[in-house]
Amino acid sequence: MKPRIPLFDTPNARLNGIYFDTPEYFNGDFTFLANFSNPNKRIDVRFEYLVIELYFHDRLISTQAVQPFYQRSGEVRVEAVHFISSLVYLPQNLGVELQKQVLSNRVTYFIRGTFKVRAHMGLIHFSYWLHARCELLMSSPPT
């Protein structure tokens, strides 16, 4: 038996809005679907700790926790994750870069996920940490 790690991807994402209060402070609204898949045929898993962070370049702009859940072998689960950023500080060069990306209709966000997974094979249990990274290229929000 060869255990396989659970998979994390996003089938859909939407940038709902970006508003600048000043050149350094902005508000944002971003939603995406997180798809968790257990590709194992005989191993059930439990996601015990799930934190997903949203970045612009290397600057954290929002974070969201997801409730723990159990996943049987071969099962797929989709979770809607809603990020709201309120008065997030960006250095002036990053604020200008975000404004340029919004105007050019190509906004790049990075998502980082940290998950603690507990696998169950009959009487045997083991846990491990998973780290996921995704780059999302989004069109600008509607005006």
C-alpha atoms as a PDB file:
ATOM      1  CA  MET A   1       0.000   0.000   0.000  1.00  0.00           C
ATOM      2  CA  LYS A   2       1.399   3.392  -1.012  1.00  0.00           C
ATOM      3  CA  PRO A   3      -0.240   6.329   0.804  1.00  0.00           C
ATOM      4  CA  ARG A   4      -0.833   9.393  -1.350  1.00  0.00           C
ATOM      5  CA  ILE A   5      -1.070  12.919  -0.021  1.00  0.00           C
ATOM      6  CA  PRO A   6      -4.408  14.748  -0.225  1.00  0.00           C
ATOM      7  CA  LEU A   7      -4.698  17.272  -3.039  1.00  0.00           C
ATOM      8  CA  PHE A   8      -5.575  20.961  -2.807  1.00  0.00           C
ATOM      9  CA  ASP A   9      -6.536  23.123  -5.787  1.00  0.00           C
ATOM     10  CA  THR A  10      -8.983  25.818  -6.764  1.00  0.00           C
ATOM     11  CA  PRO A  11     -11.537  25.345  -9.554  1.00  0.00           C
ATOM     12  CA  ASN A  12     -12.926  28.882  -9.326  1.00  0.00           C
ATOM     13  CA  ALA A  13     -11.983  32.281  -7.905  1.00  0.00           C
ATOM     14  CA  ARG A  14     -13.494  35.761  -8.060  1.00  0.00           C
ATOM     15  CA  LEU A  15     -12.100  39.170  -7.252  1.00  0.00           C
ATOM     16  CA  ASN A  16     -15.139  41.113  -6.048  1.00  0.00           C
ATOM     17  CA  GLY A  17     -13.558  44.463  -5.299  1.00  0.00           C
ATOM     18  CA  ILE A  18     -10.466  46.527  -4.567  1.00  0.00           C
ATOM     19  CA  TYR A  19     -10.787  50.023  -3.105  1.00  0.00           C
ATOM     20  CA  PHE A  20      -7.953  52.360  -2.152  1.00  0.00           C
ATOM     21  CA  ASP A  21      -8.535  54.699   0.807  1.00  0.00           C
ATOM     22  CA  THR A  22      -5.055  56.185   0.359  1.00  0.00           C
ATOM     23  CA  PRO A  23      -2.132  55.084  -1.825  1.00  0.00           C
ATOM     24  CA  GLU A  24      -0.864  52.851   1.028  1.00  0.00           C
ATOM     25  CA  TYR A  25      -4.144  51.455   2.433  1.00  0.00           C
ATOM     26  CA  PHE A  26      -6.633  49.375   0.512  1.00  0.00           C
ATOM     27  CA  ASN A  27      -9.742  47.259   1.059  1.00  0.00           C
ATOM     28  CA  GLY A  28     -10.347  44.063  -0.878  1.00  0.00           C
ATOM     29  CA  ASP A  29     -12.944  41.360  -1.316  1.00  0.00           C
ATOM     30  CA  PHE A  30     -11.855  38.032  -2.803  1.00  0.00           C
ATOM     31  CA  THR A  31     -13.617  34.644  -2.927  1.00  0.00           C
ATOM     32  CA  PHE A  32     -12.337  31.307  -4.123  1.00  0.00           C
ATOM     33  CA  LEU A  33     -13.341  27.672  -3.987  1.00  0.00           C
ATOM     34  CA  ALA A  34     -10.905  25.335  -2.243  1.00  0.00           C
ATOM     35  CA  ASN A  35     -11.076  21.785  -3.546  1.00  0.00           C
ATOM     36  CA  PHE A  36      -9.745  19.085  -1.178  1.00  0.00           C
ATOM     37  CA  SER A  37      -9.362  15.573  -2.642  1.00  0.00           C
ATOM     38  CA  ASN A  38      -8.336  12.332  -0.945  1.00  0.00           C
ATOM     39  CA  PRO A  39      -6.851  10.159  -3.744  1.00  0.00           C
ATOM     40  CA  ASN A  40      -6.225   7.164  -1.449  1.00  0.00           C
ATOM     41  CA  LYS A  41      -8.218   3.977  -1.936  1.00  0.00           C
ATOM     42  CA  ARG A  42      -7.962   2.635   1.629  1.00  0.00           C
ATOM     43  CA  ILE A  43      -6.896   5.568   3.777  1.00  0.00           C
ATOM     44  CA  ASP A  44      -9.279   8.063   5.375  1.00  0.00           C
ATOM     45  CA  VAL A  45      -7.929  11.474   6.411  1.00  0.00           C
ATOM     46  CA  ARG A  46      -8.917  14.188   8.821  1.00  0.00           C
ATOM     47  CA  PHE A  47      -7.912  17.784   8.196  1.00  0.00           C
ATOM     48  CA  GLU A  48      -7.367  18.973  11.766  1.00  0.00           C
ATOM     49  CA  TYR A  49      -5.886  22.426  11.133  1.00  0.00           C
ATOM     50  CA  LEU A  50      -6.528  24.495   8.017  1.00  0.00           C
ATOM     51  CA  VAL A  51      -5.296  28.046   7.481  1.00  0.00           C
ATOM     52  CA  ILE A  52      -5.296  29.709   4.083  1.00  0.00           C
ATOM     53  CA  GLU A  53      -3.497  33.021   3.522  1.00  0.00           C
ATOM     54  CA  LEU A  54      -3.807  35.517   0.676  1.00  0.00           C
ATOM     55  CA  TYR A  55      -0.721  37.460  -0.448  1.00  0.00           C
ATOM     56  CA  PHE A  56       0.057  40.234  -2.871  1.00  0.00           C
ATOM     57  CA  HIS A  57       3.728  39.711  -3.752  1.00  0.00           C
ATOM     58  CA  ASP A  58       5.158  38.680  -0.348  1.00  0.00           C
ATOM     59  CA  ARG A  59       2.793  40.866   1.691  1.00  0.00           C
ATOM     60  CA  LEU A  60       0.052  39.093   3.669  1.00  0.00           C
ATOM     61  CA  ILE A  61      -3.255  40.830   2.981  1.00  0.00           C
ATOM     62  CA  SER A  62      -5.786  38.396   4.467  1.00  0.00           C
ATOM     63  CA  THR A  63      -6.054  35.065   6.259  1.00  0.00           C
ATOM     64  CA  GLN A  64      -8.887  32.628   6.801  1.00  0.00           C
ATOM     65  CA  ALA A  65      -9.310  29.477   8.878  1.00  0.00           C
ATOM     66  CA  VAL A  66     -11.421  26.567   7.653  1.00  0.00           C
ATOM     67  CA  GLN A  67     -13.302  24.276  10.034  1.00  0.00           C
ATOM     68  CA  PRO A  68     -11.708  20.820  10.485  1.00  0.00           C
ATOM     69  CA  PHE A  69     -13.333  17.972   8.566  1.00  0.00           C
ATOM     70  CA  TYR A  70     -13.079  14.242   7.922  1.00  0.00           C
ATOM     71  CA  GLN A  71     -12.637  12.836   4.433  1.00  0.00           C
ATOM     72  CA  ARG A  72     -13.153   9.211   3.421  1.00  0.00           C
ATOM     73  CA  SER A  73     -10.987   7.555   0.787  1.00  0.00           C
ATOM     74  CA  GLY A  74     -11.705   8.841  -2.716  1.00  0.00           C
ATOM     75  CA  GLU A  75     -13.859  11.683  -1.406  1.00  0.00           C
ATOM     76  CA  VAL A  76     -13.800  15.283  -2.671  1.00  0.00           C
ATOM     77  CA  ARG A  77     -14.838  18.347  -0.669  1.00  0.00           C
ATOM     78  CA  VAL A  78     -15.266  21.913  -1.911  1.00  0.00           C
ATOM     79  CA  GLU A  79     -15.152  24.841   0.538  1.00  0.00           C
ATOM     80  CA  ALA A  80     -15.887  28.473  -0.287  1.00  0.00           C
ATOM     81  CA  VAL A  81     -13.232  30.718   1.255  1.00  0.00           C
ATOM     82  CA  HIS A  82     -14.024  34.425   1.493  1.00  0.00           C
ATOM     83  CA  PHE A  83     -11.199  36.896   2.127  1.00  0.00           C
ATOM     84  CA  ILE A  84     -12.008  40.432   3.224  1.00  0.00           C
ATOM     85  CA  SER A  85      -9.130  42.882   3.576  1.00  0.00           C
ATOM     86  CA  SER A  86      -9.832  46.069   5.487  1.00  0.00           C
ATOM     87  CA  LEU A  87      -7.365  48.954   5.595  1.00  0.00           C
ATOM     88  CA  VAL A  88      -4.421  46.724   4.754  1.00  0.00           C
ATOM     89  CA  TYR A  89      -1.118  48.591   4.622  1.00  0.00           C
ATOM     90  CA  LEU A  90       0.978  48.139   1.494  1.00  0.00           C
ATOM     91  CA  PRO A  91       4.290  49.938   1.025  1.00  0.00           C
ATOM     92  CA  GLN A  92       3.958  52.656  -1.579  1.00  0.00           C
ATOM     93  CA  ASN A  93       5.702  50.672  -4.333  1.00  0.00           C
ATOM     94  CA  LEU A  94       3.356  47.679  -3.818  1.00  0.00           C
ATOM     95  CA  GLY A  95       0.299  49.944  -3.648  1.00  0.00           C
ATOM     96  CA  VAL A  96       1.268  51.520  -6.971  1.00  0.00           C
ATOM     97  CA  GLU A  97       1.914  48.052  -8.440  1.00  0.00           C
ATOM     98  CA  LEU A  98      -1.536  46.817  -7.341  1.00  0.00           C
ATOM     99  CA  GLN A  99      -3.192  49.895  -8.843  1.00  0.00           C
ATOM    100  CA  LYS A 100      -1.331  49.276 -12.135  1.00  0.00           C
ATOM    101  CA  GLN A 101      -2.441  45.645 -12.172  1.00  0.00           C
ATOM    102  CA  VAL A 102      -6.070  46.638 -11.561  1.00  0.00           C
ATOM    103  CA  LEU A 103      -5.903  49.124 -14.455  1.00  0.00           C
ATOM    104  CA  SER A 104      -4.300  46.535 -16.759  1.00  0.00           C
ATOM    105  CA  ASN A 105      -6.993  43.957 -15.828  1.00  0.00           C
ATOM    106  CA  ARG A 106      -4.408  41.398 -14.553  1.00  0.00           C
ATOM    107  CA  VAL A 107      -4.146  41.113 -10.769  1.00  0.00           C
ATOM    108  CA  THR A 108      -1.794  38.435  -9.409  1.00  0.00           C
ATOM    109  CA  TYR A 109      -2.460  36.959  -5.970  1.00  0.00           C
ATOM    110  CA  PHE A 110      -0.684  34.162  -4.153  1.00  0.00           C
ATOM    111  CA  ILE A 111      -2.412  31.677  -1.866  1.00  0.00           C
ATOM    112  CA  ARG A 112      -0.586  29.688   0.792  1.00  0.00           C
ATOM    113  CA  GLY A 113      -2.280  26.916   2.686  1.00  0.00           C
ATOM    114  CA  THR A 114      -1.058  25.165   5.832  1.00  0.00           C
ATOM    115  CA  PHE A 115      -2.845  21.967   6.781  1.00  0.00           C
ATOM    116  CA  LYS A 116      -2.362  19.364   9.487  1.00  0.00           C
ATOM    117  CA  VAL A 117      -3.619  16.023   8.227  1.00  0.00           C
ATOM    118  CA  ARG A 118      -4.229  12.877  10.252  1.00  0.00           C
ATOM    119  CA  ALA A 119      -4.412   9.653   8.223  1.00  0.00           C
ATOM    120  CA  HIS A 120      -6.318   6.575   9.405  1.00  0.00           C
ATOM    121  CA  MET A 121      -5.516   3.063   8.165  1.00  0.00           C
ATOM    122  CA  GLY A 122      -7.480   0.739  10.429  1.00  0.00           C
ATOM    123  CA  LEU A 123      -5.719   0.857  13.799  1.00  0.00           C
ATOM    124  CA  ILE A 124      -2.736   2.813  12.462  1.00  0.00           C
ATOM    125  CA  HIS A 125      -2.814   6.615  12.674  1.00  0.00           C
ATOM    126  CA  PHE A 126      -0.178   9.121  11.614  1.00  0.00           C
ATOM    127  CA  SER A 127      -0.205  12.848  11.090  1.00  0.00           C
ATOM    128  CA  TYR A 128       1.794  15.251   8.955  1.00  0.00           C
ATOM    129  CA  TRP A 129       1.807  18.861   7.755  1.00  0.00           C
ATOM    130  CA  LEU A 130       0.987  19.890   4.204  1.00  0.00           C
ATOM    131  CA  HIS A 131       1.961  23.229   2.675  1.00  0.00           C
ATOM    132  CA  ALA A 132       0.288  24.359  -0.542  1.00  0.00           C
ATOM    133  CA  ARG A 133       1.112  27.331  -2.745  1.00  0.00           C
ATOM    134  CA  CYS A 134      -0.931  28.648  -5.654  1.00  0.00           C
ATOM    135  CA  GLU A 135      -0.547  31.647  -7.924  1.00  0.00           C
ATOM    136  CA  LEU A 136      -3.787  33.129  -9.238  1.00  0.00           C
ATOM    137  CA  LEU A 137      -3.982  35.558 -12.123  1.00  0.00           C
ATOM    138  CA  MET A 138      -7.298  37.378 -11.864  1.00  0.00           C
ATOM    139  CA  SER A 139      -9.073  39.899 -14.026  1.00  0.00           C
ATOM    140  CA  SER A 140      -9.891  43.204 -12.340  1.00  0.00           C
ATOM    141  CA  PRO A 141     -13.003  43.472 -10.213  1.00  0.00           C
ATOM    142  CA  PRO A 142     -16.144  44.961 -11.744  1.00  0.00           C
ATOM    143  CA  THR A 143     -16.358  48.711 -11.413  1.00  0.00           C
END
